[in-house]
Amino acid sequence: MTRILLVEDNEMNRDMLSRRLSRRGFDVLIAENGKAGVELAASERPDVILMDMSLPVMDGWEATRQIKANPLTSGIPVIALTAHAMASDRDMALDAGCDDYDSKPVDLTQLVRKIEQLLTASP
């Protein structure tokens, strides 16, 4: 079963997306801030990380940089999830090390397609 780490501080978004992903057959881990996301990525080694970028404690850009700098987690695909939908926001997420980008509100079919594409491309 594919394990997804969802790093999201908004309780309603987190609960809705985790339930929808679970119904699609994914095992979903939850972190409520960037620091917790970095720690869970290292300890649980999920298959994919869904990273909100505007997070408390440590934002998603810094959390992604730390995940990609750690040899234990650098190969885990990270998809940025953000309400910031400008082209520059996408570029900032990719510059931080994210492998893909999706804007909120999430289109679950599109997001699952991106997850599957990244898992297929991963070694």
PDB file of N, CA and C in Angstrom:
ATOM      1  N   MET A   1       0.855  -1.183   0.000  1.00  0.00           N
ATOM      2  CA  MET A   1       0.000   0.000   0.000  1.00  0.00           C
ATOM      3  C   MET A   1       0.896   1.239   0.000  1.00  0.00           C
ATOM      4  N   THR A   2       0.573   2.176  -0.843  1.00  0.00           N
ATOM      5  CA  THR A   2       1.324   3.422  -0.942  1.00  0.00           C
ATOM      6  C   THR A   2       1.081   4.281   0.295  1.00  0.00           C
ATOM      7  N   ARG A   3       2.189   4.739   0.906  1.00  0.00           N
ATOM      8  CA  ARG A   3       2.096   5.581   2.101  1.00  0.00           C
ATOM      9  C   ARG A   3       2.329   7.030   1.693  1.00  0.00           C
ATOM     10  N   ILE A   4       1.383   7.872   2.061  1.00  0.00           N
ATOM     11  CA  ILE A   4       1.458   9.300   1.758  1.00  0.00           C
ATOM     12  C   ILE A   4       1.570  10.065   3.065  1.00  0.00           C
ATOM     13  N   LEU A   5       2.540  10.960   3.121  1.00  0.00           N
ATOM     14  CA  LEU A   5       2.637  11.894   4.246  1.00  0.00           C
ATOM     15  C   LEU A   5       1.975  13.188   3.821  1.00  0.00           C
ATOM     16  N   LEU A   6       0.896  13.548   4.485  1.00  0.00           N
ATOM     17  CA  LEU A   6       0.181  14.794   4.220  1.00  0.00           C
ATOM     18  C   LEU A   6       0.595  15.810   5.274  1.00  0.00           C
ATOM     19  N   VAL A   7       1.255  16.883   4.839  1.00  0.00           N
ATOM     20  CA  VAL A   7       1.688  17.943   5.758  1.00  0.00           C
ATOM     21  C   VAL A   7       0.764  19.129   5.516  1.00  0.00           C
ATOM     22  N   GLU A   8      -0.159  19.334   6.425  1.00  0.00           N
ATOM     23  CA  GLU A   8      -1.218  20.341   6.254  1.00  0.00           C
ATOM     24  C   GLU A   8      -1.647  20.836   7.626  1.00  0.00           C
ATOM     25  N   ASP A   9      -1.675  22.155   7.816  1.00  0.00           N
ATOM     26  CA  ASP A   9      -2.054  22.699   9.115  1.00  0.00           C
ATOM     27  C   ASP A   9      -3.545  22.956   9.255  1.00  0.00           C
ATOM     28  N   ASN A  10      -4.249  23.151   8.150  1.00  0.00           N
ATOM     29  CA  ASN A  10      -5.679  23.443   8.206  1.00  0.00           C
ATOM     30  C   ASN A  10      -6.448  22.149   8.463  1.00  0.00           C
ATOM     31  N   GLU A  11      -7.097  22.088   9.628  1.00  0.00           N
ATOM     32  CA  GLU A  11      -7.763  20.854  10.051  1.00  0.00           C
ATOM     33  C   GLU A  11      -8.810  20.374   9.046  1.00  0.00           C
ATOM     34  N   MET A  12      -9.608  21.272   8.530  1.00  0.00           N
ATOM     35  CA  MET A  12     -10.663  20.874   7.598  1.00  0.00           C
ATOM     36  C   MET A  12     -10.055  20.319   6.299  1.00  0.00           C
ATOM     37  N   ASN A  13      -9.053  21.006   5.755  1.00  0.00           N
ATOM     38  CA  ASN A  13      -8.397  20.511   4.532  1.00  0.00           C
ATOM     39  C   ASN A  13      -7.716  19.169   4.783  1.00  0.00           C
ATOM     40  N   ARG A  14      -7.045  19.078   5.934  1.00  0.00           N
ATOM     41  CA  ARG A  14      -6.312  17.858   6.289  1.00  0.00           C
ATOM     42  C   ARG A  14      -7.266  16.661   6.418  1.00  0.00           C
ATOM     43  N   ASP A  15      -8.365  16.851   7.143  1.00  0.00           N
ATOM     44  CA  ASP A  15      -9.312  15.757   7.362  1.00  0.00           C
ATOM     45  C   ASP A  15      -9.984  15.344   6.049  1.00  0.00           C
ATOM     46  N   MET A  16     -10.400  16.340   5.264  1.00  0.00           N
ATOM     47  CA  MET A  16     -11.090  16.025   4.001  1.00  0.00           C
ATOM     48  C   MET A  16     -10.158  15.280   3.046  1.00  0.00           C
ATOM     49  N   LEU A  17      -8.948  15.792   2.856  1.00  0.00           N
ATOM     50  CA  LEU A  17      -8.035  15.163   1.896  1.00  0.00           C
ATOM     51  C   LEU A  17      -7.570  13.794   2.385  1.00  0.00           C
ATOM     52  N   SER A  18      -7.280  13.666   3.668  1.00  0.00           N
ATOM     53  CA  SER A  18      -6.828  12.361   4.171  1.00  0.00           C
ATOM     54  C   SER A  18      -7.926  11.306   4.028  1.00  0.00           C
ATOM     55  N   ARG A  19      -9.166  11.676   4.282  1.00  0.00           N
ATOM     56  CA  ARG A  19     -10.270  10.714   4.118  1.00  0.00           C
ATOM     57  C   ARG A  19     -10.428  10.317   2.651  1.00  0.00           C
ATOM     58  N   ARG A  20     -10.350  11.287   1.760  1.00  0.00           N
ATOM     59  CA  ARG A  20     -10.513  10.994   0.334  1.00  0.00           C
ATOM     60  C   ARG A  20      -9.373  10.111  -0.190  1.00  0.00           C
ATOM     61  N   LEU A  21      -8.151  10.371   0.275  1.00  0.00           N
ATOM     62  CA  LEU A  21      -7.014   9.541  -0.146  1.00  0.00           C
ATOM     63  C   LEU A  21      -7.123   8.136   0.448  1.00  0.00           C
ATOM     64  N   SER A  22      -7.561   8.037   1.691  1.00  0.00           N
ATOM     65  CA  SER A  22      -7.736   6.716   2.315  1.00  0.00           C
ATOM     66  C   SER A  22      -8.763   5.892   1.558  1.00  0.00           C
ATOM     67  N   ARG A  23      -9.846   6.546   1.141  1.00  0.00           N
ATOM     68  CA  ARG A  23     -10.876   5.830   0.364  1.00  0.00           C
ATOM     69  C   ARG A  23     -10.340   5.346  -0.975  1.00  0.00           C
ATOM     70  N   ARG A  24      -9.321   6.004  -1.496  1.00  0.00           N
ATOM     71  CA  ARG A  24      -8.682   5.578  -2.754  1.00  0.00           C
ATOM     72  C   ARG A  24      -7.633   4.484  -2.523  1.00  0.00           C
ATOM     73  N   GLY A  25      -7.458   4.070  -1.254  1.00  0.00           N
ATOM     74  CA  GLY A  25      -6.557   2.961  -0.955  1.00  0.00           C
ATOM     75  C   GLY A  25      -5.166   3.359  -0.493  1.00  0.00           C
ATOM     76  N   PHE A  26      -4.948   4.643  -0.216  1.00  0.00           N
ATOM     77  CA  PHE A  26      -3.648   5.088   0.274  1.00  0.00           C
ATOM     78  C   PHE A  26      -3.615   5.035   1.800  1.00  0.00           C
ATOM     79  N   ASP A  27      -2.427   4.749   2.346  1.00  0.00           N
ATOM     80  CA  ASP A  27      -2.181   4.834   3.780  1.00  0.00           C
ATOM     81  C   ASP A  27      -1.670   6.249   4.036  1.00  0.00           C
ATOM     82  N   VAL A  28      -2.397   7.032   4.822  1.00  0.00           N
ATOM     83  CA  VAL A  28      -2.089   8.458   4.974  1.00  0.00           C
ATOM     84  C   VAL A  28      -1.551   8.745   6.372  1.00  0.00           C
ATOM     85  N   LEU A  29      -0.353   9.320   6.417  1.00  0.00           N
ATOM     86  CA  LEU A  29       0.247   9.829   7.643  1.00  0.00           C
ATOM     87  C   LEU A  29      -0.003  11.330   7.674  1.00  0.00           C
ATOM     88  N   ILE A  30      -0.086  11.900   8.865  1.00  0.00           N
ATOM     89  CA  ILE A  30      -0.422  13.319   9.000  1.00  0.00           C
ATOM     90  C   ILE A  30       0.652  14.053   9.803  1.00  0.00           C
ATOM     91  N   ALA A  31       1.022  15.228   9.323  1.00  0.00           N
ATOM     92  CA  ALA A  31       1.830  16.166  10.098  1.00  0.00           C
ATOM     93  C   ALA A  31       1.153  17.522   9.998  1.00  0.00           C
ATOM     94  N   GLU A  32       1.154  18.266  11.103  1.00  0.00           N
ATOM     95  CA  GLU A  32       0.430  19.537  11.148  1.00  0.00           C
ATOM     96  C   GLU A  32       1.313  20.756  10.952  1.00  0.00           C
ATOM     97  N   ASN A  33       2.634  20.551  10.824  1.00  0.00           N
ATOM     98  CA  ASN A  33       3.530  21.678  10.537  1.00  0.00           C
ATOM     99  C   ASN A  33       4.775  21.142   9.819  1.00  0.00           C
ATOM    100  N   GLY A  34       5.574  22.044   9.302  1.00  0.00           N
ATOM    101  CA  GLY A  34       6.721  21.633   8.516  1.00  0.00           C
ATOM    102  C   GLY A  34       7.763  20.852   9.303  1.00  0.00           C
ATOM    103  N   LYS A  35       8.011  21.258  10.536  1.00  0.00           N
ATOM    104  CA  LYS A  35       9.001  20.568  11.364  1.00  0.00           C
ATOM    105  C   LYS A  35       8.570  19.118  11.619  1.00  0.00           C
ATOM    106  N   ALA A  36       7.307  18.933  11.967  1.00  0.00           N
ATOM    107  CA  ALA A  36       6.786  17.582  12.179  1.00  0.00           C
ATOM    108  C   ALA A  36       6.837  16.781  10.872  1.00  0.00           C
ATOM    109  N   GLY A  37       6.610  17.456   9.747  1.00  0.00           N
ATOM    110  CA  GLY A  37       6.681  16.786   8.453  1.00  0.00           C
ATOM    111  C   GLY A  37       8.084  16.275   8.153  1.00  0.00           C
ATOM    112  N   VAL A  38       9.097  17.094   8.445  1.00  0.00           N
ATOM    113  CA  VAL A  38      10.487  16.681   8.231  1.00  0.00           C
ATOM    114  C   VAL A  38      10.809  15.469   9.107  1.00  0.00           C
ATOM    115  N   GLU A  39      10.380  15.517  10.364  1.00  0.00           N
ATOM    116  CA  GLU A  39      10.655  14.424  11.298  1.00  0.00           C
ATOM    117  C   GLU A  39       9.941  13.135  10.876  1.00  0.00           C
ATOM    118  N   LEU A  40       8.671  13.246  10.477  1.00  0.00           N
ATOM    119  CA  LEU A  40       7.923  12.053  10.048  1.00  0.00           C
ATOM    120  C   LEU A  40       8.480  11.481   8.741  1.00  0.00           C
ATOM    121  N   ALA A  41       8.917  12.354   7.853  1.00  0.00           N
ATOM    122  CA  ALA A  41       9.505  11.873   6.597  1.00  0.00           C
ATOM    123  C   ALA A  41      10.725  11.006   6.889  1.00  0.00           C
ATOM    124  N   ALA A  42      11.556  11.441   7.841  1.00  0.00           N
ATOM    125  CA  ALA A  42      12.772  10.692   8.173  1.00  0.00           C
ATOM    126  C   ALA A  42      12.460   9.397   8.915  1.00  0.00           C
ATOM    127  N   SER A  43      11.480   9.428   9.809  1.00  0.00           N
ATOM    128  CA  SER A  43      11.202   8.234  10.618  1.00  0.00           C
ATOM    129  C   SER A  43      10.312   7.219   9.903  1.00  0.00           C
ATOM    130  N   GLU A  44       9.392   7.677   9.061  1.00  0.00           N
ATOM    131  CA  GLU A  44       8.423   6.774   8.432  1.00  0.00           C
ATOM    132  C   GLU A  44       8.718   6.476   6.972  1.00  0.00           C
ATOM    133  N   ARG A  45       9.545   7.314   6.320  1.00  0.00           N
ATOM    134  CA  ARG A  45       9.930   7.124   4.921  1.00  0.00           C
ATOM    135  C   ARG A  45       8.719   6.817   4.019  1.00  0.00           C
ATOM    136  N   PRO A  46       7.784   7.770   3.904  1.00  0.00           N
ATOM    137  CA  PRO A  46       6.605   7.550   3.052  1.00  0.00           C
ATOM    138  C   PRO A  46       7.008   7.459   1.582  1.00  0.00           C
ATOM    139  N   ASP A  47       6.088   7.019   0.750  1.00  0.00           N
ATOM    140  CA  ASP A  47       6.343   6.916  -0.692  1.00  0.00           C
ATOM    141  C   ASP A  47       6.230   8.276  -1.376  1.00  0.00           C
ATOM    142  N   VAL A  48       5.348   9.129  -0.870  1.00  0.00           N
ATOM    143  CA  VAL A  48       5.091  10.455  -1.437  1.00  0.00           C
ATOM    144  C   VAL A  48       4.760  11.406  -0.294  1.00  0.00           C
ATOM    145  N   ILE A  49       5.146  12.678  -0.465  1.00  0.00           N
ATOM    146  CA  ILE A  49       4.801  13.711   0.515  1.00  0.00           C
ATOM    147  C   ILE A  49       3.961  14.770  -0.185  1.00  0.00           C
ATOM    148  N   LEU A  50       2.824  15.105   0.422  1.00  0.00           N
ATOM    149  CA  LEU A  50       1.992  16.225  -0.034  1.00  0.00           C
ATOM    150  C   LEU A  50       2.241  17.362   0.939  1.00  0.00           C
ATOM    151  N   MET A  51       2.834  18.452   0.454  1.00  0.00           N
ATOM    152  CA  MET A  51       3.332  19.506   1.327  1.00  0.00           C
ATOM    153  C   MET A  51       2.601  20.828   1.109  1.00  0.00           C
ATOM    154  N   ASP A  52       1.812  21.222   2.112  1.00  0.00           N
ATOM    155  CA  ASP A  52       1.291  22.591   2.103  1.00  0.00           C
ATOM    156  C   ASP A  52       2.492  23.512   2.255  1.00  0.00           C
ATOM    157  N   MET A  53       2.456  24.683   1.672  1.00  0.00           N
ATOM    158  CA  MET A  53       3.625  25.561   1.732  1.00  0.00           C
ATOM    159  C   MET A  53       3.513  26.612   2.837  1.00  0.00           C
ATOM    160  N   SER A  54       2.313  27.029   3.181  1.00  0.00           N
ATOM    161  CA  SER A  54       2.126  28.014   4.254  1.00  0.00           C
ATOM    162  C   SER A  54       1.805  27.272   5.544  1.00  0.00           C
ATOM    163  N   LEU A  55       2.848  26.967   6.304  1.00  0.00           N
ATOM    164  CA  LEU A  55       2.703  26.146   7.506  1.00  0.00           C
ATOM    165  C   LEU A  55       3.285  26.863   8.712  1.00  0.00           C
ATOM    166  N   PRO A  56       2.784  26.557   9.912  1.00  0.00           N
ATOM    167  CA  PRO A  56       3.383  27.119  11.121  1.00  0.00           C
ATOM    168  C   PRO A  56       4.677  26.376  11.478  1.00  0.00           C
ATOM    169  N   VAL A  57       5.430  26.939  12.374  1.00  0.00           N
ATOM    170  CA  VAL A  57       6.680  26.386  12.921  1.00  0.00           C
ATOM    171  C   VAL A  57       7.784  26.397  11.860  1.00  0.00           C
ATOM    172  N   MET A  58       7.570  25.688  10.757  1.00  0.00           N
ATOM    173  CA  MET A  58       8.508  25.684   9.627  1.00  0.00           C
ATOM    174  C   MET A  58       7.669  25.631   8.352  1.00  0.00           C
ATOM    175  N   ASP A  59       7.888  26.585   7.433  1.00  0.00           N
ATOM    176  CA  ASP A  59       7.047  26.595   6.229  1.00  0.00           C
ATOM    177  C   ASP A  59       7.410  25.438   5.290  1.00  0.00           C
ATOM    178  N   GLY A  60       6.554  25.215   4.309  1.00  0.00           N
ATOM    179  CA  GLY A  60       6.734  24.087   3.398  1.00  0.00           C
ATOM    180  C   GLY A  60       7.970  24.193   2.519  1.00  0.00           C
ATOM    181  N   TRP A  61       8.385  25.411   2.206  1.00  0.00           N
ATOM    182  CA  TRP A  61       9.597  25.584   1.390  1.00  0.00           C
ATOM    183  C   TRP A  61      10.811  25.083   2.164  1.00  0.00           C
ATOM    184  N   GLU A  62      10.944  25.506   3.433  1.00  0.00           N
ATOM    185  CA  GLU A  62      12.087  25.084   4.242  1.00  0.00           C
ATOM    186  C   GLU A  62      12.002  23.586   4.561  1.00  0.00           C
ATOM    187  N   ALA A  63      10.805  23.108   4.859  1.00  0.00           N
ATOM    188  CA  ALA A  63      10.646  21.673   5.137  1.00  0.00           C
ATOM    189  C   ALA A  63      11.071  20.844   3.923  1.00  0.00           C
ATOM    190  N   THR A  64      10.678  21.279   2.732  1.00  0.00           N
ATOM    191  CA  THR A  64      11.065  20.551   1.512  1.00  0.00           C
ATOM    192  C   THR A  64      12.577  20.607   1.315  1.00  0.00           C
ATOM    193  N   ARG A  65      13.180  21.776   1.545  1.00  0.00           N
ATOM    194  CA  ARG A  65      14.646  21.872   1.416  1.00  0.00           C
ATOM    195  C   ARG A  65      15.331  20.874   2.356  1.00  0.00           C
ATOM    196  N   GLN A  66      14.847  20.783   3.598  1.00  0.00           N
ATOM    197  CA  GLN A  66      15.466  19.872   4.558  1.00  0.00           C
ATOM    198  C   GLN A  66      15.253  18.410   4.171  1.00  0.00           C
ATOM    199  N   ILE A  67      14.070  18.092   3.673  1.00  0.00           N
ATOM    200  CA  ILE A  67      13.784  16.711   3.236  1.00  0.00           C
ATOM    201  C   ILE A  67      14.688  16.343   2.065  1.00  0.00           C
ATOM    202  N   LYS A  68      14.850  17.250   1.135  1.00  0.00           N
ATOM    203  CA  LYS A  68      15.684  16.965  -0.048  1.00  0.00           C
ATOM    204  C   LYS A  68      17.178  16.975   0.281  1.00  0.00           C
ATOM    205  N   ALA A  69      17.581  17.636   1.380  1.00  0.00           N
ATOM    206  CA  ALA A  69      18.996  17.664   1.767  1.00  0.00           C
ATOM    207  C   ALA A  69      19.407  16.431   2.567  1.00  0.00           C
ATOM    208  N   ASN A  70      18.448  15.700   3.091  1.00  0.00           N
ATOM    209  CA  ASN A  70      18.730  14.512   3.903  1.00  0.00           C
ATOM    210  C   ASN A  70      18.829  13.292   2.979  1.00  0.00           C
ATOM    211  N   PRO A  71      19.954  12.593   2.975  1.00  0.00           N
ATOM    212  CA  PRO A  71      20.089  11.419   2.099  1.00  0.00           C
ATOM    213  C   PRO A  71      19.016  10.346   2.340  1.00  0.00           C
ATOM    214  N   LEU A  72      18.465  10.281   3.558  1.00  0.00           N
ATOM    215  CA  LEU A  72      17.423   9.293   3.855  1.00  0.00           C
ATOM    216  C   LEU A  72      16.096   9.629   3.193  1.00  0.00           C
ATOM    217  N   THR A  73      15.857  10.914   2.950  1.00  0.00           N
ATOM    218  CA  THR A  73      14.544  11.328   2.430  1.00  0.00           C
ATOM    219  C   THR A  73      14.616  12.029   1.076  1.00  0.00           C
ATOM    220  N   SER A  74      15.805  12.249   0.565  1.00  0.00           N
ATOM    221  CA  SER A  74      15.949  13.050  -0.657  1.00  0.00           C
ATOM    222  C   SER A  74      15.241  12.449  -1.871  1.00  0.00           C
ATOM    223  N   GLY A  75      15.058  11.133  -1.889  1.00  0.00           N
ATOM    224  CA  GLY A  75      14.424  10.494  -3.031  1.00  0.00           C
ATOM    225  C   GLY A  75      12.908  10.425  -2.957  1.00  0.00           C
ATOM    226  N   ILE A  76      12.331  10.887  -1.869  1.00  0.00           N
ATOM    227  CA  ILE A  76      10.869  10.847  -1.718  1.00  0.00           C
ATOM    228  C   ILE A  76      10.260  11.988  -2.527  1.00  0.00           C
ATOM    229  N   PRO A  77       9.374  11.685  -3.466  1.00  0.00           N
ATOM    230  CA  PRO A  77       8.730  12.763  -4.234  1.00  0.00           C
ATOM    231  C   PRO A  77       7.882  13.657  -3.334  1.00  0.00           C
ATOM    232  N   VAL A  78       7.973  14.958  -3.573  1.00  0.00           N
ATOM    233  CA  VAL A  78       7.200  15.940  -2.816  1.00  0.00           C
ATOM    234  C   VAL A  78       6.327  16.719  -3.798  1.00  0.00           C
ATOM    235  N   ILE A  79       5.034  16.760  -3.506  1.00  0.00           N
ATOM    236  CA  ILE A  79       4.102  17.569  -4.289  1.00  0.00           C
ATOM    237  C   ILE A  79       3.665  18.742  -3.419  1.00  0.00           C
ATOM    238  N   ALA A  80       3.913  19.954  -3.890  1.00  0.00           N
ATOM    239  CA  ALA A  80       3.482  21.154  -3.174  1.00  0.00           C
ATOM    240  C   ALA A  80       1.979  21.325  -3.360  1.00  0.00           C
ATOM    241  N   LEU A  81       1.291  21.587  -2.266  1.00  0.00           N
ATOM    242  CA  LEU A  81      -0.140  21.912  -2.313  1.00  0.00           C
ATOM    243  C   LEU A  81      -0.309  23.296  -1.718  1.00  0.00           C
ATOM    244  N   THR A  82      -0.821  24.212  -2.501  1.00  0.00           N
ATOM    245  CA  THR A  82      -0.926  25.572  -1.985  1.00  0.00           C
ATOM    246  C   THR A  82      -2.062  26.335  -2.641  1.00  0.00           C
ATOM    247  N   ALA A  83      -2.563  27.296  -1.904  1.00  0.00           N
ATOM    248  CA  ALA A  83      -3.590  28.192  -2.448  1.00  0.00           C
ATOM    249  C   ALA A  83      -2.954  29.267  -3.315  1.00  0.00           C
ATOM    250  N   HIS A  84      -1.622  29.387  -3.247  1.00  0.00           N
ATOM    251  CA  HIS A  84      -0.898  30.355  -4.077  1.00  0.00           C
ATOM    252  C   HIS A  84      -0.811  29.790  -5.494  1.00  0.00           C
ATOM    253  N   ALA A  85      -1.543  30.375  -6.415  1.00  0.00           N
ATOM    254  CA  ALA A  85      -1.676  29.787  -7.750  1.00  0.00           C
ATOM    255  C   ALA A  85      -0.958  30.555  -8.843  1.00  0.00           C
ATOM    256  N   MET A  86      -0.078  31.487  -8.482  1.00  0.00           N
ATOM    257  CA  MET A  86       0.668  32.229  -9.488  1.00  0.00           C
ATOM    258  C   MET A  86       1.826  31.380 -10.018  1.00  0.00           C
ATOM    259  N   ALA A  87       2.251  31.668 -11.238  1.00  0.00           N
ATOM    260  CA  ALA A  87       3.377  30.930 -11.819  1.00  0.00           C
ATOM    261  C   ALA A  87       4.621  31.049 -10.950  1.00  0.00           C
ATOM    262  N   SER A  88       4.813  32.218 -10.334  1.00  0.00           N
ATOM    263  CA  SER A  88       5.987  32.401  -9.476  1.00  0.00           C
ATOM    264  C   SER A  88       5.915  31.498  -8.243  1.00  0.00           C
ATOM    265  N   ASP A  89       4.713  31.214  -7.746  1.00  0.00           N
ATOM    266  CA  ASP A  89       4.570  30.310  -6.603  1.00  0.00           C
ATOM    267  C   ASP A  89       4.978  28.892  -6.991  1.00  0.00           C
ATOM    268  N   ARG A  90       4.596  28.488  -8.198  1.00  0.00           N
ATOM    269  CA  ARG A  90       5.002  27.168  -8.692  1.00  0.00           C
ATOM    270  C   ARG A  90       6.527  27.109  -8.797  1.00  0.00           C
ATOM    271  N   ASP A  91       7.119  28.153  -9.356  1.00  0.00           N
ATOM    272  CA  ASP A  91       8.575  28.188  -9.494  1.00  0.00           C
ATOM    273  C   ASP A  91       9.271  28.128  -8.138  1.00  0.00           C
ATOM    274  N   MET A  92       8.731  28.852  -7.144  1.00  0.00           N
ATOM    275  CA  MET A  92       9.328  28.833  -5.804  1.00  0.00           C
ATOM    276  C   MET A  92       9.260  27.435  -5.205  1.00  0.00           C
ATOM    277  N   ALA A  93       8.146  26.738  -5.410  1.00  0.00           N
ATOM    278  CA  ALA A  93       8.009  25.379  -4.881  1.00  0.00           C
ATOM    279  C   ALA A  93       9.002  24.435  -5.561  1.00  0.00           C
ATOM    280  N   LEU A  94       9.125  24.548  -6.870  1.00  0.00           N
ATOM    281  CA  LEU A  94      10.061  23.679  -7.590  1.00  0.00           C
ATOM    282  C   LEU A  94      11.507  24.013  -7.215  1.00  0.00           C
ATOM    283  N   ASP A  95      11.803  25.301  -7.019  1.00  0.00           N
ATOM    284  CA  ASP A  95      13.151  25.705  -6.592  1.00  0.00           C
ATOM    285  C   ASP A  95      13.492  25.157  -5.207  1.00  0.00           C
ATOM    286  N   ALA A  96      12.497  25.021  -4.351  1.00  0.00           N
ATOM    287  CA  ALA A  96      12.731  24.472  -3.008  1.00  0.00           C
ATOM    288  C   ALA A  96      12.989  22.969  -3.050  1.00  0.00           C
ATOM    289  N   GLY A  97      12.687  22.327  -4.200  1.00  0.00           N
ATOM    290  CA  GLY A  97      12.935  20.899  -4.331  1.00  0.00           C
ATOM    291  C   GLY A  97      11.696  20.062  -4.561  1.00  0.00           C
ATOM    292  N   CYS A  98      10.530  20.699  -4.608  1.00  0.00           N
ATOM    293  CA  CYS A  98       9.308  19.937  -4.869  1.00  0.00           C
ATOM    294  C   CYS A  98       9.389  19.327  -6.270  1.00  0.00           C
ATOM    295  N   ASP A  99       8.820  18.137  -6.409  1.00  0.00           N
ATOM    296  CA  ASP A  99       8.828  17.440  -7.687  1.00  0.00           C
ATOM    297  C   ASP A  99       7.648  17.814  -8.561  1.00  0.00           C
ATOM    298  N   ASP A 100       6.592  18.307  -7.921  1.00  0.00           N
ATOM    299  CA  ASP A 100       5.415  18.737  -8.665  1.00  0.00           C
ATOM    300  C   ASP A 100       4.670  19.745  -7.807  1.00  0.00           C
ATOM    301  N   TYR A 101       3.609  20.277  -8.350  1.00  0.00           N
ATOM    302  CA  TYR A 101       2.889  21.377  -7.723  1.00  0.00           C
ATOM    303  C   TYR A 101       1.411  21.217  -8.046  1.00  0.00           C
ATOM    304  N   ASP A 102       0.555  21.488  -7.083  1.00  0.00           N
ATOM    305  CA  ASP A 102      -0.875  21.494  -7.337  1.00  0.00           C
ATOM    306  C   ASP A 102      -1.495  22.601  -6.501  1.00  0.00           C
ATOM    307  N   SER A 103      -2.461  23.288  -7.069  1.00  0.00           N
ATOM    308  CA  SER A 103      -3.093  24.386  -6.334  1.00  0.00           C
ATOM    309  C   SER A 103      -4.381  23.897  -5.681  1.00  0.00           C
ATOM    310  N   LYS A 104      -4.747  24.592  -4.609  1.00  0.00           N
ATOM    311  CA  LYS A 104      -5.989  24.307  -3.901  1.00  0.00           C
ATOM    312  C   LYS A 104      -7.100  25.169  -4.485  1.00  0.00           C
ATOM    313  N   PRO A 105      -8.323  24.738  -4.485  1.00  0.00           N
ATOM    314  CA  PRO A 105      -8.769  23.459  -3.947  1.00  0.00           C
ATOM    315  C   PRO A 105      -8.278  22.299  -4.806  1.00  0.00           C
ATOM    316  N   VAL A 106      -8.014  21.180  -4.142  1.00  0.00           N
ATOM    317  CA  VAL A 106      -7.410  20.035  -4.796  1.00  0.00           C
ATOM    318  C   VAL A 106      -8.427  19.323  -5.680  1.00  0.00           C
ATOM    319  N   ASP A 107      -8.013  19.029  -6.903  1.00  0.00           N
ATOM    320  CA  ASP A 107      -8.769  18.157  -7.808  1.00  0.00           C
ATOM    321  C   ASP A 107      -8.208  16.760  -7.563  1.00  0.00           C
ATOM    322  N   LEU A 108      -8.958  15.917  -6.841  1.00  0.00           N
ATOM    323  CA  LEU A 108      -8.420  14.637  -6.385  1.00  0.00           C
ATOM    324  C   LEU A 108      -7.979  13.750  -7.542  1.00  0.00           C
ATOM    325  N   THR A 109      -8.738  13.713  -8.624  1.00  0.00           N
ATOM    326  CA  THR A 109      -8.365  12.881  -9.769  1.00  0.00           C
ATOM    327  C   THR A 109      -7.023  13.331 -10.330  1.00  0.00           C
ATOM    328  N   GLN A 110      -6.846  14.628 -10.475  1.00  0.00           N
ATOM    329  CA  GLN A 110      -5.577  15.164 -10.982  1.00  0.00           C
ATOM    330  C   GLN A 110      -4.435  14.886 -10.003  1.00  0.00           C
ATOM    331  N   LEU A 111      -4.689  15.050  -8.708  1.00  0.00           N
ATOM    332  CA  LEU A 111      -3.656  14.812  -7.701  1.00  0.00           C
ATOM    333  C   LEU A 111      -3.232  13.337  -7.689  1.00  0.00           C
ATOM    334  N   VAL A 112      -4.182  12.430  -7.744  1.00  0.00           N
ATOM    335  CA  VAL A 112      -3.855  11.000  -7.759  1.00  0.00           C
ATOM    336  C   VAL A 112      -3.049  10.657  -9.010  1.00  0.00           C
ATOM    337  N   ARG A 113      -3.394  11.281 -10.141  1.00  0.00           N
ATOM    338  CA  ARG A 113      -2.625  11.063 -11.378  1.00  0.00           C
ATOM    339  C   ARG A 113      -1.172  11.517 -11.181  1.00  0.00           C
ATOM    340  N   LYS A 114      -0.973  12.663 -10.557  1.00  0.00           N
ATOM    341  CA  LYS A 114       0.383  13.149 -10.296  1.00  0.00           C
ATOM    342  C   LYS A 114       1.129  12.214  -9.352  1.00  0.00           C
ATOM    343  N   ILE A 115       0.462  11.733  -8.310  1.00  0.00           N
ATOM    344  CA  ILE A 115       1.080  10.793  -7.369  1.00  0.00           C
ATOM    345  C   ILE A 115       1.526   9.542  -8.122  1.00  0.00           C
ATOM    346  N   GLU A 116       0.652   8.994  -8.939  1.00  0.00           N
ATOM    347  CA  GLU A 116       0.986   7.768  -9.682  1.00  0.00           C
ATOM    348  C   GLU A 116       2.132   7.996 -10.657  1.00  0.00           C
ATOM    349  N   GLN A 117       2.159   9.159 -11.310  1.00  0.00           N
ATOM    350  CA  GLN A 117       3.252   9.464 -12.240  1.00  0.00           C
ATOM    351  C   GLN A 117       4.585   9.550 -11.501  1.00  0.00           C
ATOM    352  N   LEU A 118       4.595  10.180 -10.336  1.00  0.00           N
ATOM    353  CA  LEU A 118       5.839  10.298  -9.572  1.00  0.00           C
ATOM    354  C   LEU A 118       6.294   8.942  -9.044  1.00  0.00           C
ATOM    355  N   LEU A 119       5.351   8.106  -8.632  1.00  0.00           N
ATOM    356  CA  LEU A 119       5.724   6.777  -8.138  1.00  0.00           C
ATOM    357  C   LEU A 119       6.276   5.916  -9.269  1.00  0.00           C
ATOM    358  N   THR A 120       5.730   6.054 -10.458  1.00  0.00           N
ATOM    359  CA  THR A 120       6.223   5.314 -11.616  1.00  0.00           C
ATOM    360  C   THR A 120       7.625   5.771 -11.985  1.00  0.00           C
ATOM    361  N   ALA A 121       7.884   7.076 -11.852  1.00  0.00           N
ATOM    362  CA  ALA A 121       9.185   7.637 -12.219  1.00  0.00           C
ATOM    363  C   ALA A 121      10.243   7.413 -11.155  1.00  0.00           C
ATOM    364  N   SER A 122       9.834   7.117  -9.896  1.00  0.00           N
ATOM    365  CA  SER A 122      10.796   6.919  -8.805  1.00  0.00           C
ATOM    366  C   SER A 122      11.521   5.601  -8.979  1.00  0.00           C
ATOM    367  N   PRO A 123      12.820   5.579  -8.559  1.00  0.00           N
ATOM    368  CA  PRO A 123      13.574   4.324  -8.668  1.00  0.00           C
ATOM    369  C   PRO A 123      13.071   3.263  -7.716  1.00  0.00           C
TER     370      PRO A 123
END
